[in-house]
Amino acid sequence: MRYALGVEYDGSDFRGWQNLGEGGPSVQASLEQALSSVADAPLQVVCAGRTDAGVHGQCQVVHFDTDVVRDPRAWMLGTTTRLPRSIAVRWPGDRTTSPDWTSSPRRRTWSPLEAAR
């Protein structure tokens, strides 16, 4: 089954979203470790975008595939309790009831710096 999660984080303590192996702590590595603990099996997440070092994320959409059956709310609560305080899963969904996460339109927020480019 494919599950989706909405994740928020304060990126101050991370080298960015993407797991860079020995490159320092990442949001992705923290999330995968917490999810794997809930699943009692290794899991990898796919992200709809990424951030750089020190950048915060709001409603970052990720998904993962697993044969482990859990209620979507259990994935959310179980994962959040195993994450650092700077990361939280805000909503769960499963592919059978959720939109196509990879092709849904995204809302963008423009800052003055981005608008000046």
Protein backbone atom coordinates (compact mmCIF):
# COMPACT_ATOMS: atom_id res chain seq x y z
CA MET A 1 0.00 0.00 0.00
CA ARG A 2 1.13 3.55 -0.62
CA TYR A 3 0.74 6.04 2.22
CA ALA A 4 1.21 9.80 2.09
CA LEU A 5 2.11 12.12 4.94
CA GLY A 6 2.13 15.89 5.34
CA VAL A 7 5.31 16.86 7.20
CA GLU A 8 6.37 20.15 8.78
CA TYR A 9 9.79 20.93 10.17
CA ASP A 10 12.12 23.58 11.49
CA GLY A 11 15.20 23.03 9.35
CA SER A 12 17.62 24.89 11.62
CA ASP A 13 19.32 21.70 12.84
CA PHE A 14 19.34 19.85 9.51
CA ARG A 15 21.54 19.78 6.42
CA GLY A 16 18.35 19.93 4.36
CA TRP A 17 15.63 17.50 3.37
CA GLN A 18 17.68 14.91 1.49
CA ASN A 19 19.58 12.13 3.22
CA LEU A 20 23.21 12.63 2.22
CA GLY A 21 24.61 9.65 4.10
CA GLU A 22 27.54 10.96 6.13
CA GLY A 23 26.72 14.58 5.26
CA GLY A 24 25.01 15.32 8.58
CA PRO A 25 21.46 15.12 9.91
CA SER A 26 18.62 15.36 7.41
CA VAL A 27 14.85 15.51 7.68
CA GLN A 28 14.54 12.52 5.33
CA ALA A 29 16.85 10.32 7.45
CA SER A 30 14.98 11.25 10.64
CA LEU A 31 11.61 10.51 9.05
CA GLU A 32 12.74 7.20 7.54
CA GLN A 33 14.18 6.07 10.87
CA ALA A 34 10.92 6.91 12.69
CA LEU A 35 8.71 5.27 10.04
CA SER A 36 10.91 2.16 9.99
CA SER A 37 10.48 1.89 13.74
CA VAL A 38 6.68 2.04 13.42
CA ALA A 39 6.73 -0.50 10.57
CA ASP A 40 9.33 -2.71 12.25
CA ALA A 41 10.90 -2.87 8.78
CA PRO A 42 13.12 -0.57 6.71
CA LEU A 43 11.18 2.11 4.80
CA GLN A 44 12.19 4.81 2.36
CA VAL A 45 10.20 7.93 1.58
CA VAL A 46 9.74 9.82 -1.68
CA CYS A 47 9.36 13.57 -1.37
CA ALA A 48 7.49 16.06 -3.55
CA GLY A 49 10.40 18.52 -3.47
CA ARG A 50 13.24 19.19 -1.07
CA THR A 51 14.88 21.94 0.96
CA ASP A 52 18.42 23.13 1.57
CA ALA A 53 20.27 23.37 4.87
CA GLY A 54 18.48 25.45 7.49
CA VAL A 55 15.29 25.84 5.42
CA HIS A 56 11.96 25.09 7.06
CA GLY A 57 9.20 22.97 5.51
CA GLN A 58 5.46 23.47 5.77
CA CYS A 59 3.16 20.72 4.52
CA GLN A 60 5.93 18.87 2.71
CA VAL A 61 4.24 15.89 1.04
CA VAL A 62 6.01 12.53 1.20
CA HIS A 63 4.90 9.02 0.39
CA PHE A 64 6.16 5.52 1.09
CA ASP A 65 5.25 2.01 0.00
CA THR A 66 4.92 -0.88 2.43
CA ASP A 67 3.19 -4.19 2.94
CA VAL A 68 2.86 -3.36 6.64
CA VAL A 69 -0.78 -2.59 7.45
CA ARG A 70 -1.44 0.29 9.83
CA ASP A 71 -4.27 2.76 10.13
CA PRO A 72 -3.14 6.07 8.52
CA ARG A 73 -3.60 7.83 11.88
CA ALA A 74 -1.35 5.23 13.53
CA TRP A 75 1.40 6.01 11.01
CA MET A 76 1.06 9.71 11.83
CA LEU A 77 1.02 9.40 15.63
CA GLY A 78 3.57 6.59 15.88
CA THR A 79 6.00 8.38 13.60
CA THR A 80 5.62 11.80 15.22
CA THR A 81 6.39 10.41 18.67
CA ARG A 82 9.69 9.01 17.34
CA LEU A 83 10.79 12.21 15.58
CA PRO A 84 12.87 15.09 16.94
CA ARG A 85 10.71 17.93 18.27
CA SER A 86 11.56 20.00 15.19
CA ILE A 87 9.72 17.57 12.85
CA ALA A 88 6.01 16.69 12.92
CA VAL A 89 3.68 14.66 10.75
CA ARG A 90 0.56 16.83 10.38
CA TRP A 91 -1.75 14.59 8.36
CA PRO A 92 -1.86 11.03 7.04
CA GLY A 93 -3.42 9.61 3.91
CA ASP A 94 -3.40 6.41 1.93
CA ARG A 95 -3.22 6.08 -1.83
CA THR A 96 -6.62 4.43 -2.03
CA THR A 97 -8.40 7.53 -0.70
CA SER A 98 -5.95 10.33 -1.52
CA PRO A 99 -5.28 12.24 -4.74
CA ASP A 100 -2.32 11.46 -6.99
CA TRP A 101 0.43 13.06 -4.89
CA THR A 102 2.90 13.31 -7.74
CA SER A 103 0.72 15.28 -10.15
CA SER A 104 -1.48 17.42 -7.94
CA PRO A 105 -1.11 21.19 -8.33
CA ARG A 106 0.96 22.85 -5.63
CA ARG A 107 0.34 26.16 -3.92
CA ARG A 108 3.37 28.41 -3.83
CA THR A 109 4.03 31.30 -1.50
CA TRP A 110 6.18 34.05 -2.92
CA SER A 111 8.53 36.06 -0.75
CA PRO A 112 9.78 39.52 -1.80
CA LEU A 113 13.22 38.02 -2.54
CA GLU A 114 11.75 35.42 -4.92
CA ALA A 115 9.53 38.02 -6.62
CA ALA A 116 12.57 40.21 -7.32
CA ARG A 117 14.31 37.52 -9.35
